[in-house]
């Protein structure tokens, strides 16, 4: 199983980016997918997650209201629309997938996720 993440880049503060993640090798129709990020010198932290069946969405407090996670079932792809970006959003963003449908508290823990993508760098700077 591989998770292919893309969409990172350099953006000015206040700008937008959209990340996408497409798994290959299996589907997660009964599970969940999400995004984490890791800034230099910091631990990997939860950003957003979505249950594939039902579409329940969860966000960290730092991105709620600015980021939107969604799924495209036809393309088997998860998207992260990031708006009103701030310099503190600068990090490597990782796509993650779980074969089981996670409760909200479990989504925040890296150990809850079974598969990880390679990471895509997002830099917010003027």
N, C-alpha and C. Protein backbone atom coordinates (compact mmCIF):
# COMPACT_ATOMS: atom_id res chain seq x y z
N UNK A 1 0.85 -1.19 0.00
CA UNK A 1 0.00 0.00 0.00
C UNK A 1 0.89 1.24 0.00
N UNK A 2 0.57 2.17 -0.87
CA UNK A 2 1.28 3.45 -0.91
C UNK A 2 0.29 4.59 -0.90
N UNK A 3 0.67 5.67 -0.21
CA UNK A 3 -0.13 6.89 -0.21
C UNK A 3 0.67 7.96 -0.94
N UNK A 4 0.13 8.43 -2.03
CA UNK A 4 0.83 9.43 -2.84
C UNK A 4 0.25 10.80 -2.54
N UNK A 5 1.07 11.63 -1.89
CA UNK A 5 0.63 12.98 -1.54
C UNK A 5 1.27 13.99 -2.48
N UNK A 6 0.51 15.03 -2.78
CA UNK A 6 1.03 16.09 -3.66
C UNK A 6 0.33 17.40 -3.34
N UNK A 7 0.87 18.49 -3.89
CA UNK A 7 0.22 19.78 -3.77
C UNK A 7 0.94 20.80 -2.92
N UNK A 8 2.03 20.42 -2.29
CA UNK A 8 2.76 21.37 -1.47
C UNK A 8 3.47 22.42 -2.30
N UNK A 9 4.02 23.42 -1.62
CA UNK A 9 4.74 24.47 -2.32
C UNK A 9 4.92 25.69 -1.46
N UNK A 10 5.32 26.76 -2.11
CA UNK A 10 5.54 28.04 -1.44
C UNK A 10 4.35 28.96 -1.68
N UNK A 11 3.84 29.54 -0.61
CA UNK A 11 2.69 30.43 -0.72
C UNK A 11 2.88 31.59 0.25
N UNK A 12 2.34 32.74 -0.10
CA UNK A 12 2.43 33.90 0.78
C UNK A 12 1.41 33.81 1.90
N UNK A 13 1.67 34.45 3.01
CA UNK A 13 0.67 34.47 4.09
C UNK A 13 -0.67 34.98 3.57
N UNK A 14 -1.73 34.31 4.00
CA UNK A 14 -3.08 34.63 3.54
C UNK A 14 -3.49 33.88 2.31
N UNK A 15 -2.56 33.18 1.68
CA UNK A 15 -2.86 32.44 0.47
C UNK A 15 -3.45 31.08 0.74
N UNK A 16 -3.64 30.31 -0.34
CA UNK A 16 -4.27 29.00 -0.25
C UNK A 16 -3.46 27.96 -1.00
N UNK A 17 -3.58 26.73 -0.55
CA UNK A 17 -3.01 25.57 -1.23
C UNK A 17 -3.97 24.41 -1.05
N UNK A 18 -3.90 23.46 -1.97
CA UNK A 18 -4.71 22.25 -1.83
C UNK A 18 -3.80 21.04 -1.96
N UNK A 19 -3.84 20.22 -0.95
CA UNK A 19 -3.10 18.96 -0.95
C UNK A 19 -4.03 17.82 -1.34
N UNK A 20 -3.46 16.83 -2.01
CA UNK A 20 -4.23 15.64 -2.34
C UNK A 20 -3.45 14.39 -1.95
N UNK A 21 -4.18 13.34 -1.68
CA UNK A 21 -3.57 12.06 -1.29
C UNK A 21 -4.37 10.94 -1.93
N UNK A 22 -3.68 10.10 -2.66
CA UNK A 22 -4.34 8.98 -3.32
C UNK A 22 -3.66 7.68 -2.92
N UNK A 23 -4.40 6.78 -2.29
CA UNK A 23 -3.81 5.48 -1.94
C UNK A 23 -3.82 4.53 -3.12
N UNK A 24 -2.82 3.68 -3.16
CA UNK A 24 -2.79 2.61 -4.15
C UNK A 24 -2.56 1.29 -3.43
N UNK A 25 -3.14 0.26 -3.94
CA UNK A 25 -2.96 -1.05 -3.33
C UNK A 25 -4.15 -1.52 -2.53
N UNK A 26 -4.96 -0.58 -2.06
CA UNK A 26 -6.19 -0.93 -1.37
C UNK A 26 -7.03 0.32 -1.20
N UNK A 27 -8.25 0.12 -0.82
CA UNK A 27 -9.13 1.24 -0.49
C UNK A 27 -9.34 1.25 1.02
N UNK A 28 -9.82 2.38 1.52
CA UNK A 28 -10.08 2.53 2.95
C UNK A 28 -11.54 2.89 3.17
N UNK A 29 -12.42 2.21 2.43
CA UNK A 29 -13.84 2.54 2.43
C UNK A 29 -14.48 2.33 3.80
N UNK A 30 -13.90 1.51 4.64
CA UNK A 30 -14.42 1.31 6.00
C UNK A 30 -13.52 1.93 7.06
N UNK A 31 -12.60 2.77 6.60
CA UNK A 31 -11.63 3.34 7.52
C UNK A 31 -11.66 4.85 7.53
N UNK A 32 -10.48 5.40 7.68
CA UNK A 32 -10.34 6.85 7.76
C UNK A 32 -9.05 7.29 7.09
N UNK A 33 -9.03 8.53 6.68
CA UNK A 33 -7.81 9.13 6.16
C UNK A 33 -7.62 10.49 6.79
N UNK A 34 -6.38 10.93 6.85
CA UNK A 34 -6.13 12.20 7.51
C UNK A 34 -4.82 12.82 7.10
N UNK A 35 -4.55 13.95 7.71
CA UNK A 35 -3.32 14.70 7.46
C UNK A 35 -2.67 15.07 8.80
N UNK A 36 -1.39 14.91 8.83
CA UNK A 36 -0.56 15.37 9.93
C UNK A 36 0.48 16.34 9.35
N UNK A 37 1.14 17.05 10.23
CA UNK A 37 2.24 17.90 9.78
C UNK A 37 3.35 17.91 10.83
N UNK A 38 4.55 18.19 10.34
CA UNK A 38 5.69 18.22 11.23
C UNK A 38 6.60 19.38 10.84
N UNK A 39 6.71 20.33 11.73
CA UNK A 39 7.59 21.47 11.53
C UNK A 39 8.98 21.14 12.06
N UNK A 40 10.01 21.83 11.59
CA UNK A 40 11.37 21.55 12.05
C UNK A 40 11.48 21.65 13.57
N UNK A 41 12.04 20.62 14.18
CA UNK A 41 12.25 20.62 15.61
C UNK A 41 11.02 20.32 16.44
N UNK A 42 9.91 20.00 15.77
CA UNK A 42 8.67 19.73 16.50
C UNK A 42 8.17 18.32 16.21
N UNK A 43 7.26 17.86 17.07
CA UNK A 43 6.67 16.54 16.86
C UNK A 43 5.60 16.61 15.76
N UNK A 44 5.33 15.45 15.18
CA UNK A 44 4.28 15.36 14.18
C UNK A 44 2.95 15.58 14.88
N UNK A 45 2.10 16.42 14.29
CA UNK A 45 0.82 16.74 14.91
C UNK A 45 -0.34 16.53 13.94
N UNK A 46 -1.47 16.16 14.51
CA UNK A 46 -2.69 15.95 13.74
C UNK A 46 -3.19 17.28 13.18
N UNK A 47 -3.66 17.24 11.94
CA UNK A 47 -4.24 18.42 11.30
C UNK A 47 -5.73 18.22 11.04
N UNK A 48 -6.06 17.15 10.34
CA UNK A 48 -7.46 16.90 9.98
C UNK A 48 -7.64 15.44 9.63
N UNK A 49 -8.86 14.94 9.85
CA UNK A 49 -9.17 13.56 9.51
C UNK A 49 -10.60 13.43 9.04
N UNK A 50 -10.86 12.38 8.27
CA UNK A 50 -12.20 12.14 7.76
C UNK A 50 -12.48 10.65 7.74
N UNK A 51 -13.66 10.29 8.21
CA UNK A 51 -14.09 8.90 8.10
C UNK A 51 -14.63 8.68 6.69
N UNK A 52 -14.11 7.66 6.02
CA UNK A 52 -14.50 7.48 4.63
C UNK A 52 -15.98 7.17 4.50
N UNK A 53 -16.49 6.32 5.37
CA UNK A 53 -17.91 5.96 5.35
C UNK A 53 -18.68 6.90 6.28
N UNK A 54 -19.36 7.84 5.70
CA UNK A 54 -20.10 8.81 6.49
C UNK A 54 -19.57 10.21 6.37
N UNK A 55 -18.27 10.32 6.14
CA UNK A 55 -17.70 11.63 5.88
C UNK A 55 -17.52 12.53 7.10
N UNK A 56 -17.58 11.97 8.32
CA UNK A 56 -17.36 12.80 9.51
C UNK A 56 -15.95 13.39 9.47
N UNK A 57 -15.87 14.67 9.77
CA UNK A 57 -14.60 15.38 9.67
C UNK A 57 -14.17 15.90 11.03
N UNK A 58 -12.87 15.93 11.26
CA UNK A 58 -12.32 16.39 12.52
C UNK A 58 -11.09 17.24 12.23
N UNK A 59 -10.89 18.28 13.04
CA UNK A 59 -9.80 19.21 12.83
C UNK A 59 -9.10 19.53 14.14
N UNK A 60 -7.83 19.88 14.03
CA UNK A 60 -7.15 20.43 15.19
C UNK A 60 -7.61 21.87 15.39
N UNK A 61 -7.47 22.35 16.59
CA UNK A 61 -7.92 23.70 16.88
C UNK A 61 -7.19 24.76 16.09
N UNK A 62 -5.94 24.50 15.75
CA UNK A 62 -5.13 25.50 15.06
C UNK A 62 -5.52 25.71 13.60
N UNK A 63 -6.25 24.77 13.02
CA UNK A 63 -6.62 24.91 11.60
C UNK A 63 -8.13 24.97 11.38
N UNK A 64 -8.90 24.71 12.41
CA UNK A 64 -10.36 24.70 12.26
C UNK A 64 -10.83 26.07 11.79
N UNK A 65 -11.68 26.04 10.77
CA UNK A 65 -12.18 27.29 10.20
C UNK A 65 -11.35 27.79 9.03
N UNK A 66 -10.16 27.23 8.86
CA UNK A 66 -9.29 27.63 7.74
C UNK A 66 -9.05 26.49 6.77
N UNK A 67 -8.95 25.28 7.28
CA UNK A 67 -8.70 24.11 6.44
C UNK A 67 -9.98 23.28 6.30
N UNK A 68 -10.11 22.64 5.15
CA UNK A 68 -11.24 21.75 4.92
C UNK A 68 -10.73 20.44 4.33
N UNK A 69 -11.08 19.34 4.98
CA UNK A 69 -10.74 18.02 4.45
C UNK A 69 -11.96 17.44 3.77
N UNK A 70 -11.74 16.79 2.64
CA UNK A 70 -12.85 16.18 1.91
C UNK A 70 -12.36 14.93 1.20
N UNK A 71 -13.30 14.15 0.73
CA UNK A 71 -12.93 12.93 0.01
C UNK A 71 -13.67 12.90 -1.32
N UNK A 72 -13.01 12.34 -2.31
CA UNK A 72 -13.61 12.12 -3.62
C UNK A 72 -13.65 10.61 -3.81
N UNK A 73 -14.81 10.03 -3.54
CA UNK A 73 -14.92 8.58 -3.58
C UNK A 73 -14.65 8.02 -4.97
N UNK A 74 -15.07 8.74 -6.00
CA UNK A 74 -14.87 8.26 -7.36
C UNK A 74 -13.39 8.15 -7.70
N UNK A 75 -12.59 9.08 -7.17
CA UNK A 75 -11.15 9.08 -7.46
C UNK A 75 -10.34 8.45 -6.33
N UNK A 76 -11.03 8.02 -5.26
CA UNK A 76 -10.33 7.43 -4.11
C UNK A 76 -9.25 8.36 -3.59
N UNK A 77 -9.62 9.63 -3.46
CA UNK A 77 -8.64 10.67 -3.11
C UNK A 77 -9.16 11.49 -1.95
N UNK A 78 -8.24 11.88 -1.08
CA UNK A 78 -8.55 12.80 0.01
C UNK A 78 -7.87 14.13 -0.27
N UNK A 79 -8.60 15.21 -0.05
CA UNK A 79 -8.09 16.54 -0.31
C UNK A 79 -8.02 17.34 0.99
N UNK A 80 -7.06 18.23 1.06
CA UNK A 80 -6.97 19.17 2.16
C UNK A 80 -6.86 20.57 1.57
N UNK A 81 -7.94 21.31 1.65
CA UNK A 81 -7.95 22.69 1.17
C UNK A 81 -7.50 23.58 2.33
N UNK A 82 -6.40 24.29 2.11
CA UNK A 82 -5.82 25.13 3.16
C UNK A 82 -5.96 26.59 2.76
N UNK A 83 -6.70 27.33 3.54
CA UNK A 83 -6.95 28.74 3.27
C UNK A 83 -6.38 29.60 4.39
N UNK A 84 -6.24 30.88 4.11
CA UNK A 84 -5.73 31.84 5.11
C UNK A 84 -4.46 31.32 5.78
N UNK A 85 -3.55 30.87 4.97
CA UNK A 85 -2.33 30.25 5.50
C UNK A 85 -1.47 31.25 6.26
N UNK A 86 -0.85 30.74 7.32
CA UNK A 86 0.00 31.54 8.18
C UNK A 86 1.42 30.97 8.17
N UNK A 87 2.41 31.78 8.49
CA UNK A 87 3.78 31.25 8.55
C UNK A 87 3.90 30.03 9.46
N UNK A 88 3.12 29.99 10.53
CA UNK A 88 3.20 28.85 11.45
C UNK A 88 2.60 27.57 10.87
N UNK A 89 1.98 27.65 9.70
CA UNK A 89 1.52 26.45 9.01
C UNK A 89 2.64 25.77 8.22
N UNK A 90 3.79 26.40 8.16
CA UNK A 90 4.93 25.84 7.45
C UNK A 90 5.35 24.52 8.09
N UNK A 91 5.38 23.47 7.27
CA UNK A 91 5.71 22.14 7.77
C UNK A 91 5.71 21.15 6.61
N UNK A 92 6.19 19.96 6.88
CA UNK A 92 5.99 18.85 5.96
C UNK A 92 4.65 18.21 6.33
N UNK A 93 3.80 18.07 5.36
CA UNK A 93 2.46 17.52 5.58
C UNK A 93 2.44 16.06 5.12
N UNK A 94 1.92 15.21 5.99
CA UNK A 94 1.87 13.78 5.73
C UNK A 94 0.43 13.30 5.66
N UNK A 95 0.17 12.52 4.63
CA UNK A 95 -1.12 11.85 4.51
C UNK A 95 -1.06 10.55 5.30
N UNK A 96 -2.16 10.18 5.93
CA UNK A 96 -2.22 8.95 6.72
C UNK A 96 -3.53 8.23 6.46
N UNK A 97 -3.52 6.92 6.64
CA UNK A 97 -4.72 6.13 6.42
C UNK A 97 -4.84 5.05 7.48
N UNK A 98 -6.07 4.79 7.86
CA UNK A 98 -6.38 3.74 8.83
C UNK A 98 -7.38 2.78 8.23
N UNK A 99 -7.20 1.50 8.48
CA UNK A 99 -8.14 0.50 7.96
C UNK A 99 -9.42 0.47 8.77
N UNK A 100 -9.41 1.09 9.94
CA UNK A 100 -10.60 1.14 10.78
C UNK A 100 -11.07 2.58 10.92
N UNK A 101 -12.35 2.70 11.20
CA UNK A 101 -12.95 4.01 11.37
C UNK A 101 -12.65 4.51 12.78
N UNK A 102 -11.88 5.56 12.89
CA UNK A 102 -11.36 6.01 14.17
C UNK A 102 -12.32 6.94 14.89
N UNK A 103 -12.32 6.86 16.23
CA UNK A 103 -13.02 7.87 16.99
C UNK A 103 -12.14 9.12 17.02
N UNK A 104 -12.74 10.24 17.38
CA UNK A 104 -12.04 11.50 17.26
C UNK A 104 -10.73 11.51 18.04
N UNK A 105 -10.76 11.06 19.27
CA UNK A 105 -9.56 11.11 20.09
C UNK A 105 -8.43 10.27 19.50
N UNK A 106 -8.77 9.18 18.86
CA UNK A 106 -7.75 8.32 18.25
C UNK A 106 -7.12 8.96 17.03
N UNK A 107 -7.84 9.80 16.35
CA UNK A 107 -7.30 10.43 15.16
C UNK A 107 -6.09 11.29 15.49
N UNK A 108 -6.03 11.82 16.68
CA UNK A 108 -4.94 12.71 17.05
C UNK A 108 -3.63 11.98 17.30
N UNK A 109 -3.69 10.65 17.42
CA UNK A 109 -2.51 9.87 17.78
C UNK A 109 -1.89 9.22 16.56
N UNK A 110 -0.59 9.40 16.38
CA UNK A 110 0.08 8.83 15.21
C UNK A 110 -0.01 7.31 15.22
N UNK A 111 -0.03 6.69 16.39
CA UNK A 111 -0.07 5.22 16.47
C UNK A 111 -1.39 4.63 15.97
N UNK A 112 -2.41 5.47 15.81
CA UNK A 112 -3.71 4.97 15.36
C UNK A 112 -3.74 4.70 13.86
N UNK A 113 -2.77 5.27 13.14
CA UNK A 113 -2.79 5.20 11.68
C UNK A 113 -1.86 4.11 11.17
N UNK A 114 -2.33 3.39 10.15
CA UNK A 114 -1.60 2.22 9.67
C UNK A 114 -0.65 2.51 8.52
N UNK A 115 -0.97 3.50 7.71
CA UNK A 115 -0.15 3.79 6.53
C UNK A 115 0.14 5.28 6.46
N UNK A 116 1.32 5.61 5.94
CA UNK A 116 1.76 7.00 5.82
C UNK A 116 2.30 7.28 4.44
N UNK A 117 2.04 8.51 3.97
CA UNK A 117 2.63 8.97 2.72
C UNK A 117 4.02 9.53 2.96
N UNK A 118 4.63 9.97 1.88
CA UNK A 118 6.03 10.40 1.95
C UNK A 118 6.20 11.84 2.44
N UNK A 119 5.14 12.60 2.49
CA UNK A 119 5.24 13.98 2.95
C UNK A 119 5.40 14.96 1.81
N UNK A 120 4.77 16.11 1.96
CA UNK A 120 4.91 17.18 0.98
C UNK A 120 5.11 18.49 1.74
N UNK A 121 6.08 19.29 1.31
CA UNK A 121 6.48 20.48 2.04
C UNK A 121 5.58 21.66 1.69
N UNK A 122 5.08 22.31 2.73
CA UNK A 122 4.31 23.55 2.59
C UNK A 122 5.09 24.65 3.29
N UNK A 123 5.41 25.70 2.55
CA UNK A 123 6.14 26.83 3.10
C UNK A 123 5.30 28.08 2.93
N UNK A 124 5.01 28.74 4.05
CA UNK A 124 4.23 29.97 4.02
C UNK A 124 5.17 31.11 4.40
N UNK A 125 5.47 31.94 3.42
CA UNK A 125 6.46 32.99 3.64
C UNK A 125 6.28 34.08 2.59
N UNK A 126 6.59 35.30 3.01
CA UNK A 126 6.54 36.42 2.06
C UNK A 126 7.92 36.66 1.44
